[in-house]
Amino acid sequence: MNTPKTDDGTLLKSTDLFSPIDSDRGFLMWIHDRMAHVHGESELVDYMHRLRAIIANMDGEKWTPSVGQGGNGMKEMQANILRENS
């Protein structure tokens, strides 16, 4: 696989190509890069493959607005989803 590089040979990150605030795809690319380059996650593990598959197959124009208020932690979100699906 050819990794994109700048003219001076510096490796490009996905955030150099896609803004994390312009689309859900850009945001997930930012999450992927952060997991790999900040937290040291291997790009070879199954969940990183899965994340890339989701990114590759999603609508590149979709943008989901933030809730922006309290009560939107993971536990609250899971409880709301369970309530909606019951």
N, C-alpha and C. Protein backbone atom coordinates (compact mmCIF):
# COMPACT_ATOMS: atom_id res chain seq x y z
N MET A 1 0.84 -1.18 0.00
CA MET A 1 0.00 0.00 0.00
C MET A 1 0.88 1.24 0.00
N ASN A 2 0.59 2.19 -0.87
CA ASN A 2 1.34 3.43 -0.93
C ASN A 2 0.74 4.42 0.04
N THR A 3 1.55 4.89 0.99
CA THR A 3 1.11 5.88 1.95
C THR A 3 1.31 7.26 1.34
N PRO A 4 0.24 8.11 1.33
CA PRO A 4 0.39 9.44 0.74
C PRO A 4 1.43 10.27 1.50
N LYS A 5 2.22 11.03 0.74
CA LYS A 5 3.26 11.88 1.33
C LYS A 5 3.19 13.27 0.73
N THR A 6 3.70 14.24 1.47
CA THR A 6 3.81 15.60 0.96
C THR A 6 5.01 15.67 0.02
N ASP A 7 5.21 16.83 -0.60
CA ASP A 7 6.34 17.01 -1.51
C ASP A 7 7.68 16.81 -0.82
N ASP A 8 7.75 17.10 0.49
CA ASP A 8 9.02 16.93 1.21
C ASP A 8 9.18 15.54 1.81
N GLY A 9 8.24 14.62 1.52
CA GLY A 9 8.35 13.24 1.97
C GLY A 9 7.69 12.95 3.31
N THR A 10 7.08 13.97 3.93
CA THR A 10 6.38 13.77 5.20
C THR A 10 5.11 12.95 4.96
N LEU A 11 4.87 11.98 5.83
CA LEU A 11 3.65 11.17 5.70
C LEU A 11 2.43 12.03 5.97
N LEU A 12 1.42 11.86 5.13
CA LEU A 12 0.14 12.56 5.33
C LEU A 12 -0.74 11.75 6.26
N LYS A 13 -1.44 12.42 7.13
CA LYS A 13 -2.48 11.79 7.95
C LYS A 13 -3.81 12.07 7.26
N SER A 14 -4.84 11.30 7.58
CA SER A 14 -6.13 11.52 6.94
C SER A 14 -6.65 12.91 7.23
N THR A 15 -6.30 13.48 8.40
CA THR A 15 -6.77 14.82 8.73
C THR A 15 -6.10 15.89 7.87
N ASP A 16 -5.01 15.54 7.18
CA ASP A 16 -4.42 16.46 6.21
C ASP A 16 -5.26 16.51 4.94
N LEU A 17 -6.03 15.46 4.70
CA LEU A 17 -6.84 15.36 3.49
C LEU A 17 -8.32 15.63 3.75
N PHE A 18 -8.80 15.31 4.95
CA PHE A 18 -10.22 15.45 5.29
C PHE A 18 -10.33 16.15 6.64
N SER A 19 -11.15 17.15 6.72
CA SER A 19 -11.35 17.84 7.99
C SER A 19 -12.26 17.01 8.89
N PRO A 20 -11.90 16.83 10.17
CA PRO A 20 -12.75 16.04 11.06
C PRO A 20 -14.07 16.72 11.37
N ILE A 21 -14.20 18.01 11.03
CA ILE A 21 -15.47 18.69 11.32
C ILE A 21 -16.38 18.80 10.10
N ASP A 22 -15.91 18.39 8.93
CA ASP A 22 -16.69 18.53 7.71
C ASP A 22 -17.67 17.38 7.47
N SER A 23 -17.40 16.22 8.06
CA SER A 23 -18.28 15.07 7.82
C SER A 23 -18.05 14.02 8.89
N ASP A 24 -19.00 13.09 8.99
CA ASP A 24 -18.82 11.97 9.91
C ASP A 24 -17.63 11.13 9.49
N ARG A 25 -17.43 10.98 8.18
CA ARG A 25 -16.29 10.21 7.67
C ARG A 25 -14.97 10.85 8.12
N GLY A 26 -14.85 12.15 7.98
CA GLY A 26 -13.65 12.85 8.42
C GLY A 26 -13.41 12.69 9.91
N PHE A 27 -14.49 12.72 10.69
CA PHE A 27 -14.37 12.55 12.14
C PHE A 27 -13.88 11.16 12.48
N LEU A 28 -14.43 10.13 11.83
CA LEU A 28 -13.98 8.76 12.09
C LEU A 28 -12.54 8.54 11.63
N MET A 29 -12.13 9.22 10.56
CA MET A 29 -10.73 9.15 10.14
C MET A 29 -9.83 9.77 11.21
N TRP A 30 -10.28 10.87 11.79
CA TRP A 30 -9.53 11.52 12.86
C TRP A 30 -9.41 10.58 14.07
N ILE A 31 -10.53 9.90 14.42
CA ILE A 31 -10.50 8.93 15.52
C ILE A 31 -9.49 7.82 15.21
N HIS A 32 -9.53 7.30 13.98
CA HIS A 32 -8.60 6.24 13.57
C HIS A 32 -7.16 6.70 13.73
N ASP A 33 -6.84 7.89 13.18
CA ASP A 33 -5.47 8.41 13.28
C ASP A 33 -5.07 8.62 14.73
N ARG A 34 -5.97 9.11 15.55
CA ARG A 34 -5.66 9.35 16.96
C ARG A 34 -5.36 8.02 17.67
N MET A 35 -6.18 7.00 17.38
CA MET A 35 -5.94 5.69 18.00
C MET A 35 -4.58 5.14 17.58
N ALA A 36 -4.23 5.31 16.30
CA ALA A 36 -2.97 4.75 15.80
C ALA A 36 -1.75 5.58 16.21
N HIS A 37 -1.85 6.90 16.09
CA HIS A 37 -0.65 7.73 16.24
C HIS A 37 -0.49 8.36 17.61
N VAL A 38 -1.57 8.50 18.37
CA VAL A 38 -1.47 9.07 19.72
C VAL A 38 -1.45 7.95 20.75
N HIS A 39 -2.36 6.98 20.57
CA HIS A 39 -2.49 5.91 21.56
C HIS A 39 -1.71 4.65 21.20
N GLY A 40 -1.09 4.63 20.01
CA GLY A 40 -0.23 3.52 19.63
C GLY A 40 -0.93 2.23 19.25
N GLU A 41 -2.21 2.32 18.90
CA GLU A 41 -2.93 1.11 18.47
C GLU A 41 -2.39 0.64 17.13
N SER A 42 -2.21 -0.65 16.97
CA SER A 42 -1.77 -1.21 15.71
C SER A 42 -2.90 -1.12 14.69
N GLU A 43 -2.56 -0.72 13.47
CA GLU A 43 -3.56 -0.66 12.41
C GLU A 43 -3.94 -2.05 11.91
N LEU A 44 -3.25 -3.09 12.41
CA LEU A 44 -3.51 -4.46 11.97
C LEU A 44 -4.56 -5.19 12.79
N VAL A 45 -4.98 -4.62 13.93
CA VAL A 45 -5.96 -5.32 14.77
C VAL A 45 -7.34 -5.25 14.14
N ASP A 46 -8.19 -6.21 14.50
CA ASP A 46 -9.48 -6.37 13.84
C ASP A 46 -10.37 -5.15 13.94
N TYR A 47 -10.40 -4.46 15.08
CA TYR A 47 -11.31 -3.32 15.21
C TYR A 47 -10.84 -2.12 14.37
N MET A 48 -9.54 -2.02 14.09
CA MET A 48 -9.07 -0.95 13.20
C MET A 48 -9.45 -1.29 11.75
N HIS A 49 -9.37 -2.58 11.38
CA HIS A 49 -9.86 -3.00 10.06
C HIS A 49 -11.34 -2.68 9.93
N ARG A 50 -12.10 -3.01 10.97
CA ARG A 50 -13.55 -2.76 10.96
C ARG A 50 -13.85 -1.27 10.85
N LEU A 51 -13.11 -0.44 11.59
CA LEU A 51 -13.31 0.99 11.52
C LEU A 51 -13.04 1.51 10.11
N ARG A 52 -11.96 1.04 9.48
CA ARG A 52 -11.67 1.46 8.11
C ARG A 52 -12.75 1.00 7.14
N ALA A 53 -13.31 -0.20 7.35
CA ALA A 53 -14.39 -0.68 6.49
C ALA A 53 -15.62 0.20 6.63
N ILE A 54 -15.94 0.60 7.86
CA ILE A 54 -17.08 1.50 8.08
C ILE A 54 -16.83 2.83 7.39
N ILE A 55 -15.62 3.38 7.55
CA ILE A 55 -15.27 4.66 6.93
C ILE A 55 -15.38 4.57 5.40
N ALA A 56 -14.86 3.49 4.83
CA ALA A 56 -14.86 3.34 3.37
C ALA A 56 -16.26 3.19 2.80
N ASN A 57 -17.18 2.66 3.58
CA ASN A 57 -18.51 2.36 3.06
C ASN A 57 -19.60 3.35 3.48
N MET A 58 -19.22 4.42 4.16
CA MET A 58 -20.24 5.36 4.60
C MET A 58 -20.35 6.53 3.63
N ASP A 59 -21.45 7.24 3.73
CA ASP A 59 -21.70 8.42 2.91
C ASP A 59 -20.71 9.50 3.33
N GLY A 60 -19.87 9.93 2.41
CA GLY A 60 -18.85 10.92 2.72
C GLY A 60 -19.37 12.30 3.01
N GLU A 61 -20.64 12.55 2.69
CA GLU A 61 -21.22 13.88 2.90
C GLU A 61 -22.00 13.98 4.21
N LYS A 62 -22.28 12.84 4.86
CA LYS A 62 -23.11 12.85 6.07
C LYS A 62 -22.41 13.59 7.21
N TRP A 63 -23.15 14.43 7.89
CA TRP A 63 -22.65 15.16 9.05
C TRP A 63 -23.72 15.10 10.13
N THR A 64 -23.37 14.55 11.28
CA THR A 64 -24.29 14.42 12.40
C THR A 64 -23.97 15.52 13.41
N PRO A 65 -24.95 16.40 13.71
CA PRO A 65 -24.68 17.46 14.69
C PRO A 65 -24.49 16.90 16.09
N SER A 66 -23.66 17.56 16.87
CA SER A 66 -23.44 17.16 18.26
C SER A 66 -24.66 17.50 19.09
N VAL A 67 -24.89 16.70 20.12
CA VAL A 67 -26.00 16.98 21.04
C VAL A 67 -25.69 18.27 21.78
N GLY A 68 -24.45 18.40 22.26
CA GLY A 68 -24.00 19.64 22.86
C GLY A 68 -24.57 19.98 24.21
N GLN A 69 -25.20 19.03 24.87
CA GLN A 69 -25.76 19.28 26.20
C GLN A 69 -25.36 18.13 27.11
N GLY A 70 -25.54 18.33 28.41
CA GLY A 70 -25.24 17.28 29.38
C GLY A 70 -26.11 16.06 29.15
N GLY A 71 -25.72 14.96 29.76
CA GLY A 71 -26.51 13.73 29.64
C GLY A 71 -26.29 12.99 28.34
N ASN A 72 -25.19 13.27 27.65
CA ASN A 72 -24.94 12.56 26.40
C ASN A 72 -23.70 11.69 26.48
N GLY A 73 -23.42 11.16 27.69
CA GLY A 73 -22.34 10.19 27.86
C GLY A 73 -22.75 8.85 27.25
N MET A 74 -21.80 7.93 27.16
CA MET A 74 -22.07 6.63 26.54
C MET A 74 -23.17 5.87 27.26
N LYS A 75 -23.18 5.86 28.61
CA LYS A 75 -24.21 5.13 29.34
C LYS A 75 -25.59 5.70 29.07
N GLU A 76 -25.70 7.04 29.04
CA GLU A 76 -27.00 7.66 28.75
C GLU A 76 -27.44 7.35 27.32
N MET A 77 -26.51 7.38 26.39
CA MET A 77 -26.84 7.09 25.00
C MET A 77 -27.32 5.65 24.84
N GLN A 78 -26.61 4.70 25.48
CA GLN A 78 -27.03 3.31 25.40
C GLN A 78 -28.41 3.11 26.00
N ALA A 79 -28.69 3.77 27.12
CA ALA A 79 -30.02 3.66 27.74
C ALA A 79 -31.10 4.22 26.83
N ASN A 80 -30.82 5.35 26.17
CA ASN A 80 -31.79 5.93 25.25
C ASN A 80 -32.03 5.02 24.04
N ILE A 81 -31.00 4.40 23.52
CA ILE A 81 -31.16 3.48 22.39
C ILE A 81 -31.97 2.27 22.80
N LEU A 82 -31.69 1.73 23.99
CA LEU A 82 -32.46 0.57 24.49
C LEU A 82 -33.94 0.95 24.64
N ARG A 83 -34.20 2.14 25.17
CA ARG A 83 -35.59 2.59 25.32
C ARG A 83 -36.28 2.73 23.97
N GLU A 84 -35.58 3.30 23.00
CA GLU A 84 -36.15 3.49 21.66
C GLU A 84 -36.45 2.15 20.98
N ASN A 85 -35.62 1.13 21.24
CA ASN A 85 -35.78 -0.16 20.58
C ASN A 85 -36.71 -1.11 21.32
N SER A 86 -37.24 -0.69 22.47
CA SER A 86 -38.12 -1.62 23.20
C SER A 86 -39.59 -1.31 22.97
